[in-house]
PDB file of N, CA and C in Angstrom:
ATOM      1  N   UNK A   1     103.304-222.689  20.879  1.00  0.00           N
ATOM      2  CA  UNK A   1     102.366-221.827  19.892  1.00  0.00           C
ATOM      3  C   UNK A   1     103.557-221.196  19.274  1.00  0.00           C
ATOM      4  N   UNK A   2     102.405-221.310  17.261  1.00  0.00           N
ATOM      5  CA  UNK A   2     103.210-220.472  16.532  1.00  0.00           C
ATOM      6  C   UNK A   2     101.925-220.112  15.855  1.00  0.00           C
ATOM      7  N   UNK A   3     102.510-218.387  15.924  1.00  0.00           N
ATOM      8  CA  UNK A   3     101.696-217.508  15.203  1.00  0.00           C
ATOM      9  C   UNK A   3     101.735-218.063  14.237  1.00  0.00           C
ATOM     10  N   UNK A   4     101.090-218.281  13.217  1.00  0.00           N
ATOM     11  CA  UNK A   4     100.954-218.572  11.441  1.00  0.00           C
ATOM     12  C   UNK A   4     100.955-217.186  11.006  1.00  0.00           C
ATOM     13  N   UNK A   5     101.104-216.357  10.085  1.00  0.00           N
ATOM     14  CA  UNK A   5     101.065-215.373   9.068  1.00  0.00           C
ATOM     15  C   UNK A   5      99.707-214.980   8.593  1.00  0.00           C
ATOM     16  N   UNK A   6      98.716-216.088   8.924  1.00  0.00           N
ATOM     17  CA  UNK A   6      97.868-216.368   8.110  1.00  0.00           C
ATOM     18  C   UNK A   6      96.867-215.959   8.999  1.00  0.00           C
ATOM     19  N   UNK A   7      96.934-214.898   9.904  1.00  0.00           N
ATOM     20  CA  UNK A   7      95.770-214.894  11.349  1.00  0.00           C
ATOM     21  C   UNK A   7      95.285-215.812  12.121  1.00  0.00           C
ATOM     22  N   UNK A   8      95.933-217.187  11.755  1.00  0.00           N
ATOM     23  CA  UNK A   8      95.811-218.353  12.957  1.00  0.00           C
ATOM     24  C   UNK A   8      96.674-218.677  13.463  1.00  0.00           C
ATOM     25  N   UNK A   9      96.585-219.458  14.549  1.00  0.00           N
ATOM     26  CA  UNK A   9      98.150-219.922  15.391  1.00  0.00           C
ATOM     27  C   UNK A   9      97.831-221.658  16.005  1.00  0.00           C
ATOM     28  N   UNK A  10      98.804-221.751  15.524  1.00  0.00           N
ATOM     29  CA  UNK A  10      99.334-223.400  15.677  1.00  0.00           C
ATOM     30  C   UNK A  10      99.351-223.922  17.780  1.00  0.00           C
ATOM     31  N   UNK A  11      98.861-224.492  17.485  1.00  0.00           N
ATOM     32  CA  UNK A  11      99.158-225.112  19.002  1.00  0.00           C
ATOM     33  C   UNK A  11      99.504-226.861  18.905  1.00  0.00           C
ATOM     34  N   UNK A  12     100.512-226.846  18.983  1.00  0.00           N
ATOM     35  CA  UNK A  12     101.137-228.243  18.893  1.00  0.00           C
ATOM     36  C   UNK A  12     100.864-228.808  20.387  1.00  0.00           C
ATOM     37  N   UNK A  13      99.944-229.922  20.580  1.00  0.00           N
ATOM     38  CA  UNK A  13      99.293-230.855  21.525  1.00  0.00           C
ATOM     39  C   UNK A  13     100.479-231.717  22.428  1.00  0.00           C
ATOM     40  N   UNK A  14     101.147-232.324  20.861  1.00  0.00           N
ATOM     41  CA  UNK A  14     102.484-233.628  21.312  1.00  0.00           C
ATOM     42  C   UNK A  14     103.452-232.770  22.405  1.00  0.00           C
ATOM     43  N   UNK A  15     103.860-231.548  22.316  1.00  0.00           N
ATOM     44  CA  UNK A  15     104.456-230.915  22.962  1.00  0.00           C
ATOM     45  C   UNK A  15     104.218-230.864  23.800  1.00  0.00           C
ATOM     46  N   UNK A  16     102.956-229.966  24.829  1.00  0.00           N
ATOM     47  CA  UNK A  16     102.462-229.996  25.702  1.00  0.00           C
ATOM     48  C   UNK A  16     101.962-230.982  26.767  1.00  0.00           C
ATOM     49  N   UNK A  17     101.520-232.469  25.695  1.00  0.00           N
ATOM     50  CA  UNK A  17     100.614-233.259  26.581  1.00  0.00           C
ATOM     51  C   UNK A  17     101.107-234.691  26.125  1.00  0.00           C
ATOM     52  N   UNK A  18     102.102-234.542  25.154  1.00  0.00           N
ATOM     53  CA  UNK A  18     102.806-236.502  24.757  1.00  0.00           C
ATOM     54  C   UNK A  18     101.754-236.923  23.861  1.00  0.00           C
ATOM     55  N   UNK A  19     101.971-238.061  23.764  1.00  0.00           N
ATOM     56  CA  UNK A  19     101.505-238.723  23.091  1.00  0.00           C
ATOM     57  C   UNK A  19     100.456-239.333  23.255  1.00  0.00           C
ATOM     58  N   UNK A  20     100.132-239.765  24.708  1.00  0.00           N
ATOM     59  CA  UNK A  20      98.463-239.827  25.414  1.00  0.00           C
ATOM     60  C   UNK A  20      98.361-238.509  26.407  1.00  0.00           C
ATOM     61  N   UNK A  21      97.620-237.577  25.405  1.00  0.00           N
ATOM     62  CA  UNK A  21      97.165-236.638  25.844  1.00  0.00           C
ATOM     63  C   UNK A  21      96.111-236.795  26.998  1.00  0.00           C
ATOM     64  N   UNK A  22      96.403-237.236  28.920  1.00  0.00           N
ATOM     65  CA  UNK A  22      95.181-237.637  29.769  1.00  0.00           C
ATOM     66  C   UNK A  22      95.113-236.237  30.748  1.00  0.00           C
ATOM     67  N   UNK A  23      96.537-235.393  30.737  1.00  0.00           N
ATOM     68  CA  UNK A  23      96.452-234.434  31.999  1.00  0.00           C
ATOM     69  C   UNK A  23      95.415-233.203  31.838  1.00  0.00           C
ATOM     70  N   UNK A  24      94.289-233.131  32.533  1.00  0.00           N
ATOM     71  CA  UNK A  24      93.354-231.823  31.979  1.00  0.00           C
ATOM     72  C   UNK A  24      94.406-230.666  33.046  1.00  0.00           C
ATOM     73  N   UNK A  25      94.824-230.613  33.873  1.00  0.00           N
ATOM     74  CA  UNK A  25      95.856-229.505  34.089  1.00  0.00           C
ATOM     75  C   UNK A  25      95.512-228.998  32.487  1.00  0.00           C
ATOM     76  N   UNK A  26      96.994-230.004  32.143  1.00  0.00           N
ATOM     77  CA  UNK A  26      97.880-228.931  31.043  1.00  0.00           C
ATOM     78  C   UNK A  26      96.490-228.616  29.703  1.00  0.00           C
ATOM     79  N   UNK A  27      95.692-229.397  29.588  1.00  0.00           N
ATOM     80  CA  UNK A  27      94.507-229.213  28.972  1.00  0.00           C
ATOM     81  C   UNK A  27      94.439-227.574  29.238  1.00  0.00           C
ATOM     82  N   UNK A  28      93.825-228.079  30.590  1.00  0.00           N
ATOM     83  CA  UNK A  28      93.171-226.311  31.529  1.00  0.00           C
ATOM     84  C   UNK A  28      94.386-225.436  31.110  1.00  0.00           C
ATOM     85  N   UNK A  29      95.177-225.409  30.754  1.00  0.00           N
ATOM     86  CA  UNK A  29      96.604-224.744  30.152  1.00  0.00           C
ATOM     87  C   UNK A  29      96.751-223.546  29.195  1.00  0.00           C
ATOM     88  N   UNK A  30      96.226-225.338  28.428  1.00  0.00           N
ATOM     89  CA  UNK A  30      96.420-224.506  27.010  1.00  0.00           C
ATOM     90  C   UNK A  30      95.164-223.874  26.519  1.00  0.00           C
ATOM     91  N   UNK A  31      93.847-224.214  27.287  1.00  0.00           N
ATOM     92  CA  UNK A  31      92.879-223.218  26.761  1.00  0.00           C
ATOM     93  C   UNK A  31      92.821-222.553  27.493  1.00  0.00           C
ATOM     94  N   UNK A  32      93.349-222.069  28.605  1.00  0.00           N
ATOM     95  CA  UNK A  32      93.703-220.554  29.317  1.00  0.00           C
ATOM     96  C   UNK A  32      94.668-220.111  28.792  1.00  0.00           C
ATOM     97  N   UNK A  33      96.014-220.436  28.603  1.00  0.00           N
ATOM     98  CA  UNK A  33      96.853-219.551  28.030  1.00  0.00           C
ATOM     99  C   UNK A  33      97.030-218.998  26.238  1.00  0.00           C
ATOM    100  N   UNK A  34      95.866-219.937  25.458  1.00  0.00           N
ATOM    101  CA  UNK A  34      96.701-219.903  24.296  1.00  0.00           C
ATOM    102  C   UNK A  34      95.559-219.686  23.915  1.00  0.00           C
ATOM    103  N   UNK A  35      94.474-220.769  23.713  1.00  0.00           N
ATOM    104  CA  UNK A  35      93.255-221.180  22.926  1.00  0.00           C
ATOM    105  C   UNK A  35      92.505-219.657  23.034  1.00  0.00           C
ATOM    106  N   UNK A  36      92.027-219.359  24.473  1.00  0.00           N
ATOM    107  CA  UNK A  36      91.059-218.444  24.661  1.00  0.00           C
ATOM    108  C   UNK A  36      91.853-216.938  24.115  1.00  0.00           C
ATOM    109  N   UNK A  37      92.872-216.689  24.471  1.00  0.00           N
ATOM    110  CA  UNK A  37      93.704-215.713  24.199  1.00  0.00           C
ATOM    111  C   UNK A  37      93.723-215.103  22.705  1.00  0.00           C
ATOM    112  N   UNK A  38      93.814-216.613  22.071  1.00  0.00           N
ATOM    113  CA  UNK A  38      94.149-216.883  20.595  1.00  0.00           C
ATOM    114  C   UNK A  38      93.035-216.326  19.694  1.00  0.00           C
ATOM    115  N   UNK A  39      91.127-217.154  20.476  1.00  0.00           N
ATOM    116  CA  UNK A  39      90.073-215.967  19.857  1.00  0.00           C
ATOM    117  C   UNK A  39      89.718-214.526  20.242  1.00  0.00           C
ATOM    118  N   UNK A  40      90.245-214.374  21.323  1.00  0.00           N
ATOM    119  CA  UNK A  40      89.986-213.336  21.338  1.00  0.00           C
ATOM    120  C   UNK A  40      90.711-212.217  21.156  1.00  0.00           C
ATOM    121  N   UNK A  41      91.695-212.550  19.931  1.00  0.00           N
ATOM    122  CA  UNK A  41      91.968-211.548  19.136  1.00  0.00           C
ATOM    123  C   UNK A  41      91.483-212.006  18.079  1.00  0.00           C
ATOM    124  N   UNK A  42      91.151-212.099  17.651  1.00  0.00           N
ATOM    125  CA  UNK A  42      90.138-213.114  16.438  1.00  0.00           C
ATOM    126  C   UNK A  42      90.810-214.316  15.346  1.00  0.00           C
ATOM    127  N   UNK A  43      91.762-214.702  16.280  1.00  0.00           N
ATOM    128  CA  UNK A  43      92.562-215.543  15.415  1.00  0.00           C
ATOM    129  C   UNK A  43      91.965-216.768  15.252  1.00  0.00           C
ATOM    130  N   UNK A  44      92.475-217.614  14.062  1.00  0.00           N
ATOM    131  CA  UNK A  44      91.771-219.141  14.560  1.00  0.00           C
ATOM    132  C   UNK A  44      92.558-219.838  15.170  1.00  0.00           C
ATOM    133  N   UNK A  45      91.889-220.991  15.992  1.00  0.00           N
ATOM    134  CA  UNK A  45      93.323-221.666  16.433  1.00  0.00           C
ATOM    135  C   UNK A  45      93.202-222.808  15.489  1.00  0.00           C
ATOM    136  N   UNK A  46      94.472-223.456  15.551  1.00  0.00           N
ATOM    137  CA  UNK A  46      94.676-224.932  15.204  1.00  0.00           C
ATOM    138  C   UNK A  46      95.064-225.487  16.253  1.00  0.00           C
ATOM    139  N   UNK A  47      94.392-226.395  16.265  1.00  0.00           N
ATOM    140  CA  UNK A  47      95.106-227.725  17.910  1.00  0.00           C
ATOM    141  C   UNK A  47      96.239-229.077  16.966  1.00  0.00           C
ATOM    142  N   UNK A  48      96.871-229.086  16.419  1.00  0.00           N
ATOM    143  CA  UNK A  48      97.570-230.009  16.382  1.00  0.00           C
ATOM    144  C   UNK A  48      97.889-231.322  16.641  1.00  0.00           C
ATOM    145  N   UNK A  49      97.130-231.747  16.748  1.00  0.00           N
ATOM    146  CA  UNK A  49      97.795-233.222  16.844  1.00  0.00           C
ATOM    147  C   UNK A  49      98.650-234.809  16.476  1.00  0.00           C
ATOM    148  N   UNK A  50      99.693-234.066  15.398  1.00  0.00           N
ATOM    149  CA  UNK A  50     100.585-234.746  15.115  1.00  0.00           C
ATOM    150  C   UNK A  50     101.233-235.696  15.501  1.00  0.00           C
ATOM    151  N   UNK A  51     101.680-236.692  15.980  1.00  0.00           N
ATOM    152  CA  UNK A  51     102.593-237.547  16.687  1.00  0.00           C
ATOM    153  C   UNK A  51     101.562-237.682  18.232  1.00  0.00           C
ATOM    154  N   UNK A  52      99.929-237.349  18.878  1.00  0.00           N
ATOM    155  CA  UNK A  52      99.403-237.835  19.574  1.00  0.00           C
ATOM    156  C   UNK A  52      98.845-238.796  19.274  1.00  0.00           C
ATOM    157  N   UNK A  53      98.923-239.978  19.719  1.00  0.00           N
ATOM    158  CA  UNK A  53      98.645-241.416  19.628  1.00  0.00           C
ATOM    159  C   UNK A  53      96.633-241.745  20.424  1.00  0.00           C
ATOM    160  N   UNK A  54      96.751-241.183  20.992  1.00  0.00           N
ATOM    161  CA  UNK A  54      95.470-241.580  21.892  1.00  0.00           C
ATOM    162  C   UNK A  54      95.039-240.099  23.086  1.00  0.00           C
ATOM    163  N   UNK A  55      93.751-239.676  23.642  1.00  0.00           N
ATOM    164  CA  UNK A  55      93.028-238.570  24.379  1.00  0.00           C
ATOM    165  C   UNK A  55      92.103-238.662  24.856  1.00  0.00           C
ATOM    166  N   UNK A  56      92.197-238.940  25.861  1.00  0.00           N
ATOM    167  CA  UNK A  56      91.408-239.467  27.135  1.00  0.00           C
ATOM    168  C   UNK A  56      89.864-238.355  27.042  1.00  0.00           C
ATOM    169  N   UNK A  57      88.281-238.858  26.850  1.00  0.00           N
ATOM    170  CA  UNK A  57      87.677-237.590  26.583  1.00  0.00           C
ATOM    171  C   UNK A  57      87.219-236.195  27.923  1.00  0.00           C
ATOM    172  N   UNK A  58      88.303-236.825  28.738  1.00  0.00           N
ATOM    173  CA  UNK A  58      88.386-235.586  29.932  1.00  0.00           C
ATOM    174  C   UNK A  58      89.331-234.729  29.387  1.00  0.00           C
ATOM    175  N   UNK A  59      90.264-234.976  28.637  1.00  0.00           N
ATOM    176  CA  UNK A  59      91.140-234.391  28.768  1.00  0.00           C
ATOM    177  C   UNK A  59      90.863-232.820  27.458  1.00  0.00           C
ATOM    178  N   UNK A  60      90.277-233.704  26.211  1.00  0.00           N
ATOM    179  CA  UNK A  60      89.596-232.722  25.438  1.00  0.00           C
ATOM    180  C   UNK A  60      88.214-232.206  25.827  1.00  0.00           C
ATOM    181  N   UNK A  61      88.147-232.470  26.945  1.00  0.00           N
ATOM    182  CA  UNK A  61      86.508-231.830  27.486  1.00  0.00           C
ATOM    183  C   UNK A  61      87.185-230.563  28.124  1.00  0.00           C
ATOM    184  N   UNK A  62      88.288-230.895  29.081  1.00  0.00           N
ATOM    185  CA  UNK A  62      89.038-229.899  29.313  1.00  0.00           C
ATOM    186  C   UNK A  62      89.420-228.857  28.279  1.00  0.00           C
ATOM    187  N   UNK A  63      90.052-228.995  27.212  1.00  0.00           N
ATOM    188  CA  UNK A  63      90.377-228.560  25.668  1.00  0.00           C
ATOM    189  C   UNK A  63      89.783-227.621  25.902  1.00  0.00           C
ATOM    190  N   UNK A  64      88.787-227.500  25.305  1.00  0.00           N
ATOM    191  CA  UNK A  64      87.411-227.100  24.341  1.00  0.00           C
ATOM    192  C   UNK A  64      85.929-226.964  24.981  1.00  0.00           C
ATOM    193  N   UNK A  65      85.279-227.733  26.212  1.00  0.00           N
ATOM    194  CA  UNK A  65      84.287-227.173  26.879  1.00  0.00           C
ATOM    195  C   UNK A  65      83.918-225.805  27.293  1.00  0.00           C
ATOM    196  N   UNK A  66      85.031-225.822  28.243  1.00  0.00           N
ATOM    197  CA  UNK A  66      84.764-223.856  28.825  1.00  0.00           C
ATOM    198  C   UNK A  66      84.817-222.725  27.188  1.00  0.00           C
ATOM    199  N   UNK A  67      86.022-223.245  26.318  1.00  0.00           N
ATOM    200  CA  UNK A  67      85.636-221.958  25.214  1.00  0.00           C
ATOM    201  C   UNK A  67      84.147-222.025  24.800  1.00  0.00           C
ATOM    202  N   UNK A  68      83.660-223.400  24.192  1.00  0.00           N
ATOM    203  CA  UNK A  68      82.468-223.405  23.530  1.00  0.00           C
ATOM    204  C   UNK A  68      81.239-222.815  24.888  1.00  0.00           C
ATOM    205  N   UNK A  69      81.582-223.516  25.769  1.00  0.00           N
ATOM    206  CA  UNK A  69      80.329-222.643  26.607  1.00  0.00           C
ATOM    207  C   UNK A  69      80.762-221.177  26.846  1.00  0.00           C
ATOM    208  N   UNK A  70      81.108-220.580  26.627  1.00  0.00           N
ATOM    209  CA  UNK A  70      82.017-218.826  26.809  1.00  0.00           C
ATOM    210  C   UNK A  70      81.336-218.527  25.759  1.00  0.00           C
ATOM    211  N   UNK A  71      81.323-219.121  24.808  1.00  0.00           N
ATOM    212  CA  UNK A  71      81.689-218.313  23.276  1.00  0.00           C
ATOM    213  C   UNK A  71      80.473-219.301  22.177  1.00  0.00           C
ATOM    214  N   UNK A  72      79.970-220.632  22.331  1.00  0.00           N
ATOM    215  CA  UNK A  72      78.885-220.448  21.827  1.00  0.00           C
ATOM    216  C   UNK A  72      79.398-221.624  21.041  1.00  0.00           C
ATOM    217  N   UNK A  73      78.511-222.497  20.488  1.00  0.00           N
ATOM    218  CA  UNK A  73      79.270-223.899  20.106  1.00  0.00           C
ATOM    219  C   UNK A  73      79.589-223.222  18.133  1.00  0.00           C
ATOM    220  N   UNK A  74      79.693-221.584  17.528  1.00  0.00           N
ATOM    221  CA  UNK A  74      79.843-221.790  16.021  1.00  0.00           C
ATOM    222  C   UNK A  74      81.464-221.223  16.623  1.00  0.00           C
ATOM    223  N   UNK A  75      81.788-221.768  17.550  1.00  0.00           N
ATOM    224  CA  UNK A  75      83.292-221.068  17.622  1.00  0.00           C
ATOM    225  C   UNK A  75      84.314-221.997  17.190  1.00  0.00           C
ATOM    226  N   UNK A  76      84.249-223.333  17.252  1.00  0.00           N
ATOM    227  CA  UNK A  76      83.913-224.519  16.439  1.00  0.00           C
ATOM    228  C   UNK A  76      84.548-224.201  15.529  1.00  0.00           C
ATOM    229  N   UNK A  77      84.278-222.907  14.613  1.00  0.00           N
ATOM    230  CA  UNK A  77      84.104-222.725  12.667  1.00  0.00           C
ATOM    231  C   UNK A  77      85.674-221.677  13.168  1.00  0.00           C
ATOM    232  N   UNK A  78      85.909-221.712  14.156  1.00  0.00           N
ATOM    233  CA  UNK A  78      87.663-221.205  14.530  1.00  0.00           C
ATOM    234  C   UNK A  78      88.894-221.696  14.693  1.00  0.00           C
ATOM    235  N   UNK A  79      88.171-223.071  15.326  1.00  0.00           N
ATOM    236  CA  UNK A  79      88.887-223.595  15.537  1.00  0.00           C
ATOM    237  C   UNK A  79      89.089-224.904  14.833  1.00  0.00           C
ATOM    238  N   UNK A  80      90.275-225.562  14.401  1.00  0.00           N
ATOM    239  CA  UNK A  80      90.924-226.139  13.625  1.00  0.00           C
ATOM    240  C   UNK A  80      91.339-227.366  14.365  1.00  0.00           C
ATOM    241  N   UNK A  81      91.228-229.134  14.422  1.00  0.00           N
ATOM    242  CA  UNK A  81      91.808-230.483  15.293  1.00  0.00           C
ATOM    243  C   UNK A  81      92.481-230.316  13.550  1.00  0.00           C
ATOM    244  N   UNK A  82      93.895-230.537  12.989  1.00  0.00           N
ATOM    245  CA  UNK A  82      94.820-230.645  12.435  1.00  0.00           C
ATOM    246  C   UNK A  82      95.687-231.878  12.634  1.00  0.00           C
ATOM    247  N   UNK A  83      95.510-232.978  11.968  1.00  0.00           N
ATOM    248  CA  UNK A  83      96.241-234.495  12.159  1.00  0.00           C
ATOM    249  C   UNK A  83      95.641-235.443  13.576  1.00  0.00           C
ATOM    250  N   UNK A  84      94.416-235.735  13.377  1.00  0.00           N
ATOM    251  CA  UNK A  84      94.222-236.475  14.279  1.00  0.00           C
ATOM    252  C   UNK A  84      94.384-237.454  13.394  1.00  0.00           C
ATOM    253  N   UNK A  85      94.540-238.607  14.495  1.00  0.00           N
ATOM    254  CA  UNK A  85      93.957-240.508  14.173  1.00  0.00           C
ATOM    255  C   UNK A  85      92.926-240.528  13.995  1.00  0.00           C
ATOM    256  N   UNK A  86      92.235-241.886  14.082  1.00  0.00           N
ATOM    257  CA  UNK A  86      90.469-241.737  14.038  1.00  0.00           C
ATOM    258  C   UNK A  86      89.897-241.833  15.405  1.00  0.00           C
ATOM    259  N   UNK A  87      91.206-241.971  16.437  1.00  0.00           N
ATOM    260  CA  UNK A  87      90.315-242.178  18.113  1.00  0.00           C
ATOM    261  C   UNK A  87      90.540-240.807  18.281  1.00  0.00           C
ATOM    262  N   UNK A  88      91.393-240.106  18.125  1.00  0.00           N
ATOM    263  CA  UNK A  88      91.213-238.978  19.141  1.00  0.00           C
ATOM    264  C   UNK A  88      89.785-237.823  17.877  1.00  0.00           C
ATOM    265  N   UNK A  89      89.838-238.454  16.338  1.00  0.00           N
ATOM    266  CA  UNK A  89      89.082-237.840  15.996  1.00  0.00           C
ATOM    267  C   UNK A  89      87.255-238.116  16.531  1.00  0.00           C
ATOM    268  N   UNK A  90      87.053-239.311  17.442  1.00  0.00           N
ATOM    269  CA  UNK A  90      86.312-239.740  17.471  1.00  0.00           C
ATOM    270  C   UNK A  90      85.864-239.361  19.177  1.00  0.00           C
ATOM    271  N   UNK A  91      86.787-238.961  19.473  1.00  0.00           N
ATOM    272  CA  UNK A  91      86.685-238.609  21.147  1.00  0.00           C
ATOM    273  C   UNK A  91      86.430-237.049  21.021  1.00  0.00           C
ATOM    274  N   UNK A  92      87.069-236.327  20.223  1.00  0.00           N
ATOM    275  CA  UNK A  92      86.614-234.818  19.849  1.00  0.00           C
ATOM    276  C   UNK A  92      85.200-234.685  19.116  1.00  0.00           C
ATOM    277  N   UNK A  93      84.809-235.517  18.585  1.00  0.00           N
ATOM    278  CA  UNK A  93      83.683-235.714  17.974  1.00  0.00           C
ATOM    279  C   UNK A  93      82.172-235.649  19.501  1.00  0.00           C
ATOM    280  N   UNK A  94      83.117-236.457  19.723  1.00  0.00           N
ATOM    281  CA  UNK A  94      82.075-236.824  21.066  1.00  0.00           C
ATOM    282  C   UNK A  94      81.759-236.131  22.193  1.00  0.00           C
ATOM    283  N   UNK A  95      82.952-235.097  22.339  1.00  0.00           N
ATOM    284  CA  UNK A  95      83.070-233.833  23.255  1.00  0.00           C
ATOM    285  C   UNK A  95      82.270-232.649  22.319  1.00  0.00           C
ATOM    286  N   UNK A  96      82.729-232.561  20.773  1.00  0.00           N
ATOM    287  CA  UNK A  96      81.706-231.801  20.491  1.00  0.00           C
ATOM    288  C   UNK A  96      80.137-231.973  20.320  1.00  0.00           C
ATOM    289  N   UNK A  97      79.834-233.170  20.011  1.00  0.00           N
ATOM    290  CA  UNK A  97      78.341-233.476  20.082  1.00  0.00           C
ATOM    291  C   UNK A  97      77.694-232.912  21.374  1.00  0.00           C
ATOM    292  N   UNK A  98      78.499-233.887  22.263  1.00  0.00           N
ATOM    293  CA  UNK A  98      77.321-233.701  24.025  1.00  0.00           C
ATOM    294  C   UNK A  98      78.021-232.267  24.284  1.00  0.00           C
ATOM    295  N   UNK A  99      78.416-231.663  23.569  1.00  0.00           N
ATOM    296  CA  UNK A  99      78.642-229.973  23.931  1.00  0.00           C
ATOM    297  C   UNK A  99      77.088-229.278  23.363  1.00  0.00           C
ATOM    298  N   UNK A 100      76.942-229.331  21.846  1.00  0.00           N
ATOM    299  CA  UNK A 100      76.248-228.862  20.995  1.00  0.00           C
ATOM    300  C   UNK A 100      74.744-229.436  21.866  1.00  0.00           C
ATOM    301  N   UNK A 101      75.320-230.703  22.271  1.00  0.00           N
ATOM    302  CA  UNK A 101      73.273-230.876  23.007  1.00  0.00           C
ATOM    303  C   UNK A 101      72.955-230.401  23.712  1.00  0.00           C
ATOM    304  N   UNK A 102      74.260-229.637  24.952  1.00  0.00           N
ATOM    305  CA  UNK A 102      73.969-229.216  26.413  1.00  0.00           C
ATOM    306  C   UNK A 102      73.881-227.957  25.619  1.00  0.00           C
ATOM    307  N   UNK A 103      74.328-227.528  25.050  1.00  0.00           N
ATOM    308  CA  UNK A 103      73.784-225.560  24.854  1.00  0.00           C
ATOM    309  C   UNK A 103      72.157-225.717  24.245  1.00  0.00           C
ATOM    310  N   UNK A 104      71.983-226.661  23.407  1.00  0.00           N
ATOM    311  CA  UNK A 104      70.187-226.823  22.927  1.00  0.00           C
ATOM    312  C   UNK A 104      69.266-226.813  23.851  1.00  0.00           C
ATOM    313  N   UNK A 105      68.585-225.596  23.273  1.00  0.00           N
ATOM    314  CA  UNK A 105      67.403-224.821  24.275  1.00  0.00           C
ATOM    315  C   UNK A 105      66.535-225.988  25.187  1.00  0.00           C
ATOM    316  N   UNK A 106      65.982-226.645  25.622  1.00  0.00           N
ATOM    317  CA  UNK A 106      65.214-227.540  26.240  1.00  0.00           C
ATOM    318  C   UNK A 106      63.929-227.365  26.420  1.00  0.00           C
ATOM    319  N   UNK A 107      62.607-228.188  26.199  1.00  0.00           N
ATOM    320  CA  UNK A 107      61.361-227.277  26.487  1.00  0.00           C
ATOM    321  C   UNK A 107      61.022-227.936  27.863  1.00  0.00           C
ATOM    322  N   UNK A 108      60.233-227.080  28.343  1.00  0.00           N
ATOM    323  CA  UNK A 108      60.013-226.882  29.733  1.00  0.00           C
ATOM    324  C   UNK A 108      58.935-228.014  29.585  1.00  0.00           C
ATOM    325  N   UNK A 109      58.671-229.512  31.460  1.00  0.00           N
ATOM    326  CA  UNK A 109      57.950-230.116  31.194  1.00  0.00           C
ATOM    327  C   UNK A 109      56.708-229.817  31.161  1.00  0.00           C
ATOM    328  N   UNK A 110      55.925-230.934  30.539  1.00  0.00           N
ATOM    329  CA  UNK A 110      54.449-230.532  30.476  1.00  0.00           C
ATOM    330  C   UNK A 110      54.303-228.994  29.181  1.00  0.00           C
ATOM    331  N   UNK A 111      54.932-228.891  28.582  1.00  0.00           N
ATOM    332  CA  UNK A 111      55.319-228.415  27.625  1.00  0.00           C
ATOM    333  C   UNK A 111      53.973-228.570  25.948  1.00  0.00           C
TER     334      UNK A 111
END
């Protein structure tokens, strides 16, 4: 994790997860030890995916779903996904779309 002078923190995903980000435990550790504490301090979190060629949906889900669940979908305004290739970008979109859908209230049956 690199503290930037502008109130943001950059997390190098490649350094912790490798070129194929798949380990959910690694994602959980990044979330607990880096993302959540930085957000608590009011910082913007930059998740730098430079060099990451692919990621599993379960890795991205473990990385960000609890953050969204705890803080609401608007937390994504303070999280930047940097240097994502089209594969990673697509997976991030799937997870964030799912979380946004999950967060919306549903109408009771027979409403």
